[in-house]
Amino acid sequence: MKKILMIFFFTAVGCTTSIKNHEGYIYDSNTKMPLSNIKICPERNNEDLKCVKTDKKGFFKTHRINLSQYLYIYINEKLSDSIQTVFTNGGEKYNEYFVNGRKDTAFIDMKLKKIIRQ
């Protein structure tokens, strides 16, 4: 019984995420200027408690994290696009973006309201 509990404990500890928060910058792809008041949500339901807005420098930082691998971008309260924060390739290669102090940047075409590159 003790061995089963130890296996369960180590499995549970090993499966926890190391992602503490999402953060980064949002810029206009045409002017290369930071975009303020862009709403960033870790869930698609646009729940205000979990969403943050970019500041005048285009910077955002979420404080409540979930295991979602996407950030959803709302412009004028409408879902515009999403950012994939976790990439895997056949289970071998694993990359994280916009997480744990890695201040990545996404560029949005404000005419199309879509991310051009991240």
Protein backbone atom coordinates (compact mmCIF):
# COMPACT_ATOMS: atom_id res chain seq x y z
CA MET A 1 0.00 0.00 0.00
CA LYS A 2 2.86 2.34 0.84
CA LYS A 3 4.43 1.78 -2.59
CA ILE A 4 1.13 2.55 -4.33
CA LEU A 5 0.79 5.81 -2.41
CA MET A 6 4.37 6.80 -3.26
CA ILE A 7 3.82 6.05 -6.96
CA PHE A 8 0.61 8.10 -6.92
CA PHE A 9 2.37 11.00 -5.16
CA PHE A 10 5.30 11.13 -7.59
CA THR A 11 2.95 10.85 -10.57
CA ALA A 12 0.84 13.74 -9.29
CA VAL A 13 3.89 15.91 -8.58
CA GLY A 14 5.45 15.10 -11.95
CA CYS A 15 2.30 16.06 -13.86
CA THR A 16 2.00 19.59 -12.53
CA THR A 17 2.61 22.48 -14.88
CA SER A 18 5.53 24.84 -14.47
CA ILE A 19 3.59 27.69 -16.10
CA LYS A 20 2.88 30.40 -13.53
CA ASN A 21 1.56 33.20 -15.74
CA HIS A 22 1.30 34.48 -19.30
CA GLU A 23 2.92 37.78 -20.24
CA GLY A 24 4.10 39.63 -23.30
CA TYR A 25 3.50 42.52 -25.68
CA ILE A 26 0.92 43.27 -28.37
CA TYR A 27 1.91 45.61 -31.23
CA ASP A 28 0.26 46.95 -34.38
CA SER A 29 1.83 45.11 -37.32
CA ASN A 30 1.67 48.15 -39.61
CA THR A 31 2.87 50.97 -37.33
CA LYS A 32 4.99 48.82 -34.96
CA MET A 33 3.41 50.81 -32.10
CA PRO A 34 2.18 49.16 -28.88
CA LEU A 35 -1.56 48.53 -28.62
CA SER A 36 -3.26 49.49 -25.36
CA ASN A 37 -6.60 48.26 -23.97
CA ILE A 38 -6.47 44.96 -25.86
CA LYS A 39 -8.21 42.34 -23.75
CA ILE A 40 -6.29 39.08 -23.21
CA CYS A 41 -8.11 36.08 -21.71
CA PRO A 42 -6.76 32.62 -20.84
CA GLU A 43 -10.19 31.15 -21.57
CA ARG A 44 -12.50 31.68 -24.51
CA ASN A 45 -15.52 32.60 -22.36
CA ASN A 46 -14.23 36.20 -21.86
CA GLU A 47 -14.69 36.05 -18.07
CA ASP A 48 -13.50 39.39 -16.69
CA LEU A 49 -11.97 37.92 -13.53
CA LYS A 50 -9.34 36.07 -15.55
CA CYS A 51 -8.84 38.64 -18.33
CA VAL A 52 -6.31 41.48 -18.40
CA LYS A 53 -5.81 44.45 -20.71
CA THR A 54 -2.62 45.68 -22.30
CA ASP A 55 -1.14 48.88 -20.90
CA LYS A 56 0.15 51.88 -22.88
CA LYS A 57 3.34 49.93 -23.68
CA GLY A 58 1.28 47.03 -25.07
CA PHE A 59 2.31 44.84 -22.10
CA PHE A 60 0.03 42.32 -20.42
CA LYS A 61 0.45 39.82 -17.59
CA THR A 62 -2.15 37.31 -16.44
CA HIS A 63 -2.31 36.45 -12.78
CA ARG A 64 -4.64 33.48 -12.76
CA ILE A 65 -3.36 30.64 -14.81
CA ASN A 66 -5.02 27.55 -16.16
CA LEU A 67 -3.71 24.75 -18.31
CA SER A 68 -5.01 26.31 -21.52
CA GLN A 69 -2.52 26.39 -24.36
CA TYR A 70 -4.18 29.44 -25.94
CA LEU A 71 -4.64 33.10 -25.07
CA TYR A 72 -7.70 34.74 -26.59
CA ILE A 73 -7.52 38.30 -27.90
CA TYR A 74 -10.56 40.56 -27.73
CA ILE A 75 -10.66 43.88 -29.58
CA ASN A 76 -13.64 46.09 -28.73
CA GLU A 77 -15.11 43.18 -26.72
CA LYS A 78 -15.18 40.92 -29.80
CA LEU A 79 -13.07 37.78 -30.10
CA SER A 80 -10.42 38.65 -32.66
CA ASP A 81 -7.83 35.88 -32.61
CA SER A 82 -5.90 33.52 -30.35
CA ILE A 83 -2.26 32.94 -29.47
CA GLN A 84 -0.98 29.41 -29.08
CA THR A 85 1.32 29.38 -26.05
CA VAL A 86 2.38 25.72 -26.05
CA PHE A 87 3.63 23.91 -29.15
CA THR A 88 4.41 20.21 -29.37
CA ASN A 89 5.76 18.23 -32.27
CA GLY A 90 5.04 14.53 -32.13
CA GLY A 91 5.40 14.60 -28.37
CA GLU A 92 9.14 15.19 -28.66
CA LYS A 93 9.69 18.92 -29.07
CA TYR A 94 7.97 21.21 -26.57
CA ASN A 95 8.05 25.01 -26.81
CA GLU A 96 6.36 27.62 -24.63
CA TYR A 97 5.63 31.23 -25.57
CA PHE A 98 4.30 34.13 -23.50
CA VAL A 99 4.96 32.24 -20.24
CA ASN A 100 6.99 32.64 -17.04
CA GLY A 101 8.72 35.92 -17.78
CA ARG A 102 9.35 35.18 -21.44
CA LYS A 103 8.01 38.47 -22.76
CA ASP A 104 7.19 37.48 -26.34
CA THR A 105 5.48 39.82 -28.81
CA ALA A 106 2.46 39.37 -31.08
CA PHE A 107 1.78 41.70 -34.00
CA ILE A 108 -1.85 42.38 -34.93
CA ASP A 109 -3.11 43.85 -38.19
CA MET A 110 -5.73 46.24 -36.82
CA LYS A 111 -7.56 46.45 -40.16
CA LEU A 112 -8.03 42.68 -40.31
CA LYS A 113 -8.15 42.29 -36.50
CA LYS A 114 -5.90 39.23 -36.82
CA ILE A 115 -2.46 38.24 -35.57
CA ILE A 116 0.09 38.51 -38.35
CA ARG A 117 2.98 36.96 -36.45
CA GLN A 118 4.07 36.08 -32.96
